[in-house]
N, C-alpha and C. Protein backbone atom coordinates (compact mmCIF):
# COMPACT_ATOMS: atom_id res chain seq x y z
N MET A 1 166.94 273.95 79.72
CA MET A 1 168.12 274.66 79.28
C MET A 1 167.72 275.80 78.36
N SER A 2 168.21 276.99 78.59
CA SER A 2 167.90 278.15 77.76
C SER A 2 168.60 278.05 76.42
N GLN A 3 167.91 278.53 75.42
CA GLN A 3 168.51 278.53 74.09
C GLN A 3 168.83 279.97 73.67
N GLN A 4 169.84 280.11 72.90
CA GLN A 4 170.26 281.42 72.44
C GLN A 4 169.78 281.66 71.02
N PRO A 5 169.72 282.91 70.62
CA PRO A 5 169.45 283.18 69.22
C PRO A 5 170.63 282.67 68.40
N ALA A 6 170.38 282.36 67.16
CA ALA A 6 171.46 281.85 66.31
C ALA A 6 172.54 282.92 66.15
N VAL A 7 173.76 282.54 66.46
CA VAL A 7 174.89 283.44 66.26
C VAL A 7 175.72 282.84 65.16
N SER A 8 175.91 283.60 64.11
CA SER A 8 176.74 283.09 63.02
C SER A 8 177.90 284.03 62.81
N LEU A 9 179.05 283.45 62.67
CA LEU A 9 180.28 284.21 62.44
C LEU A 9 180.83 283.85 61.07
N THR A 10 181.32 284.85 60.36
CA THR A 10 182.00 284.55 59.12
C THR A 10 183.36 283.95 59.47
N GLU A 11 184.01 283.37 58.50
CA GLU A 11 185.35 282.81 58.74
C GLU A 11 186.30 283.90 59.22
N GLU A 12 186.17 285.09 58.65
CA GLU A 12 187.04 286.20 59.06
C GLU A 12 186.77 286.61 60.51
N GLU A 13 185.49 286.70 60.88
CA GLU A 13 185.15 287.06 62.25
C GLU A 13 185.67 286.02 63.23
N ARG A 14 185.49 284.75 62.90
CA ARG A 14 185.99 283.67 63.76
C ARG A 14 187.51 283.76 63.90
N ARG A 15 188.21 283.98 62.80
CA ARG A 15 189.67 284.08 62.82
C ARG A 15 190.11 285.25 63.70
N ILE A 16 189.44 286.38 63.56
CA ILE A 16 189.78 287.57 64.35
C ILE A 16 189.58 287.28 65.84
N LEU A 17 188.43 286.69 66.20
CA LEU A 17 188.16 286.38 67.61
C LEU A 17 189.15 285.36 68.16
N GLU A 18 189.44 284.32 67.39
CA GLU A 18 190.38 283.30 67.86
C GLU A 18 191.77 283.88 68.07
N THR A 19 192.22 284.71 67.15
CA THR A 19 193.52 285.37 67.29
C THR A 19 193.53 286.26 68.52
N PHE A 20 192.46 287.02 68.70
CA PHE A 20 192.32 287.92 69.84
C PHE A 20 192.42 287.15 71.16
N VAL A 21 191.70 286.03 71.25
CA VAL A 21 191.69 285.22 72.47
C VAL A 21 193.07 284.59 72.71
N HIS A 22 193.67 284.07 71.67
CA HIS A 22 194.96 283.40 71.83
C HIS A 22 196.09 284.36 72.22
N ARG A 23 196.00 285.59 71.77
CA ARG A 23 197.02 286.58 72.18
C ARG A 23 196.89 286.90 73.66
N GLY A 24 195.66 286.98 74.15
CA GLY A 24 195.43 287.19 75.58
C GLY A 24 195.89 288.52 76.11
N LYS A 25 195.94 289.54 75.27
CA LYS A 25 196.46 290.83 75.71
C LYS A 25 195.36 291.84 76.05
N ALA A 26 194.14 291.37 76.21
CA ALA A 26 193.03 292.24 76.60
C ALA A 26 192.64 291.92 78.03
N ASN A 27 191.75 292.73 78.59
CA ASN A 27 191.31 292.45 79.96
C ASN A 27 190.41 291.21 79.98
N ALA A 28 190.25 290.63 81.13
CA ALA A 28 189.53 289.36 81.29
C ALA A 28 188.08 289.47 80.81
N ARG A 29 187.44 290.60 81.05
CA ARG A 29 186.05 290.80 80.64
C ARG A 29 185.92 290.70 79.11
N THR A 30 186.80 291.36 78.41
CA THR A 30 186.77 291.36 76.94
C THR A 30 187.07 289.97 76.38
N LEU A 31 188.04 289.29 76.97
CA LEU A 31 188.38 287.94 76.50
C LEU A 31 187.23 286.97 76.76
N THR A 32 186.57 287.09 77.90
CA THR A 32 185.42 286.23 78.20
C THR A 32 184.32 286.44 77.18
N ARG A 33 184.05 287.66 76.83
CA ARG A 33 183.00 287.95 75.85
C ARG A 33 183.36 287.42 74.46
N ALA A 34 184.62 287.49 74.11
CA ALA A 34 185.06 286.91 72.83
C ALA A 34 184.88 285.40 72.84
N ARG A 35 185.22 284.77 73.95
CA ARG A 35 185.03 283.31 74.07
C ARG A 35 183.55 282.94 74.01
N ILE A 36 182.70 283.76 74.62
CA ILE A 36 181.25 283.52 74.57
C ILE A 36 180.75 283.57 73.13
N LEU A 37 181.21 284.54 72.37
CA LEU A 37 180.80 284.62 70.96
C LEU A 37 181.24 283.39 70.19
N LEU A 38 182.46 282.94 70.41
CA LEU A 38 182.96 281.76 69.70
C LEU A 38 182.14 280.52 70.04
N LYS A 39 181.88 280.30 71.32
CA LYS A 39 181.12 279.12 71.72
C LYS A 39 179.65 279.24 71.30
N SER A 40 179.11 280.44 71.28
CA SER A 40 177.74 280.64 70.81
C SER A 40 177.61 280.21 69.36
N ALA A 41 178.59 280.55 68.57
CA ALA A 41 178.58 280.17 67.16
C ALA A 41 178.69 278.65 67.00
N ASP A 42 179.24 277.98 68.01
CA ASP A 42 179.34 276.52 67.99
C ASP A 42 178.07 275.84 68.49
N GLY A 43 177.06 276.65 68.89
CA GLY A 43 175.78 276.09 69.28
C GLY A 43 175.54 275.90 70.76
N TRP A 44 176.39 276.44 71.61
CA TRP A 44 176.19 276.30 73.06
C TRP A 44 174.95 277.09 73.47
N SER A 45 174.23 276.59 74.47
CA SER A 45 173.04 277.27 74.99
C SER A 45 173.45 278.38 75.96
N THR A 46 172.48 279.25 76.24
CA THR A 46 172.71 280.34 77.18
C THR A 46 173.15 279.82 78.54
N SER A 47 172.43 278.82 79.05
CA SER A 47 172.75 278.31 80.38
C SER A 47 174.11 277.60 80.41
N ALA A 48 174.45 276.90 79.34
CA ALA A 48 175.76 276.23 79.28
C ALA A 48 176.89 277.26 79.24
N LEU A 49 176.69 278.33 78.48
CA LEU A 49 177.70 279.38 78.40
C LEU A 49 177.86 280.08 79.75
N ALA A 50 176.73 280.39 80.39
CA ALA A 50 176.78 281.06 81.69
C ALA A 50 177.52 280.21 82.72
N ALA A 51 177.26 278.92 82.73
CA ALA A 51 177.93 278.03 83.67
C ALA A 51 179.41 277.88 83.35
N ALA A 52 179.74 277.73 82.07
CA ALA A 52 181.13 277.51 81.68
C ALA A 52 182.02 278.71 81.96
N PHE A 53 181.46 279.92 81.78
CA PHE A 53 182.27 281.12 81.95
C PHE A 53 181.99 281.86 83.25
N ASP A 54 181.18 281.23 84.12
CA ASP A 54 180.87 281.78 85.45
C ASP A 54 180.33 283.21 85.36
N VAL A 55 179.34 283.39 84.48
CA VAL A 55 178.65 284.66 84.34
C VAL A 55 177.15 284.37 84.39
N CYS A 56 176.34 285.41 84.55
CA CYS A 56 174.90 285.19 84.56
C CYS A 56 174.38 285.13 83.11
N GLU A 57 173.19 284.57 82.95
CA GLU A 57 172.62 284.43 81.62
C GLU A 57 172.40 285.78 80.94
N ALA A 58 172.12 286.82 81.73
CA ALA A 58 171.94 288.16 81.17
C ALA A 58 173.22 288.64 80.49
N THR A 59 174.36 288.31 81.07
CA THR A 59 175.64 288.69 80.47
C THR A 59 175.79 288.03 79.12
N VAL A 60 175.45 286.76 79.02
CA VAL A 60 175.55 286.04 77.76
C VAL A 60 174.65 286.69 76.71
N THR A 61 173.42 287.00 77.10
CA THR A 61 172.48 287.63 76.19
C THR A 61 172.98 289.00 75.75
N ASN A 62 173.57 289.75 76.67
CA ASN A 62 174.10 291.07 76.33
C ASN A 62 175.25 290.99 75.34
N VAL A 63 176.03 289.95 75.42
CA VAL A 63 177.14 289.80 74.48
C VAL A 63 176.60 289.70 73.06
N TRP A 64 175.46 289.00 72.88
CA TRP A 64 174.88 288.87 71.55
C TRP A 64 174.28 290.17 71.07
N THR A 65 173.66 290.93 71.97
CA THR A 65 172.96 292.15 71.56
C THR A 65 173.89 293.34 71.45
N VAL A 66 175.02 293.32 72.13
CA VAL A 66 175.96 294.43 72.11
C VAL A 66 177.24 293.97 71.40
N ARG A 67 177.07 293.13 70.41
CA ARG A 67 178.20 292.58 69.67
C ARG A 67 178.98 293.69 68.98
N PRO A 68 180.31 293.70 69.14
CA PRO A 68 181.12 294.73 68.50
C PRO A 68 180.98 294.65 66.98
N ARG A 69 180.72 295.79 66.36
CA ARG A 69 180.53 295.79 64.91
C ARG A 69 181.34 296.91 64.28
N GLY A 70 181.81 296.63 63.11
CA GLY A 70 182.50 297.64 62.32
C GLY A 70 181.67 297.90 61.08
N ALA A 71 182.31 298.37 60.04
CA ALA A 71 181.63 298.65 58.79
C ALA A 71 181.00 297.39 58.24
N GLY A 72 179.80 297.47 57.77
CA GLY A 72 179.15 296.32 57.16
C GLY A 72 178.67 295.29 58.16
N GLY A 73 178.61 295.62 59.45
CA GLY A 73 178.12 294.67 60.44
C GLY A 73 179.13 293.62 60.84
N ARG A 74 180.36 293.75 60.42
CA ARG A 74 181.39 292.77 60.80
C ARG A 74 182.04 293.17 62.10
N LEU A 75 182.71 292.24 62.71
CA LEU A 75 183.42 292.53 63.97
C LEU A 75 184.50 293.58 63.71
N ALA A 76 184.62 294.50 64.63
CA ALA A 76 185.67 295.50 64.52
C ALA A 76 187.01 294.87 64.87
N ARG A 77 188.05 295.32 64.24
CA ARG A 77 189.39 294.77 64.52
C ARG A 77 190.01 295.42 65.69
């Protein structure tokens, strides 16, 4: 099983992502990537995330490396 780099989210980042996902008003690609970030922070492996969200492992890795950032390295709103 592939392992991912440690993804840590602040409480604010987690709240923003959870609210974003629950509203469901974005396109499917964006919502999937938000869900990947949330599950990554919960410790899911690359292969488990890829299987759960029906994406390739490269997509999962790209979500971590192309993580949306705002000022101070936090998630953009």
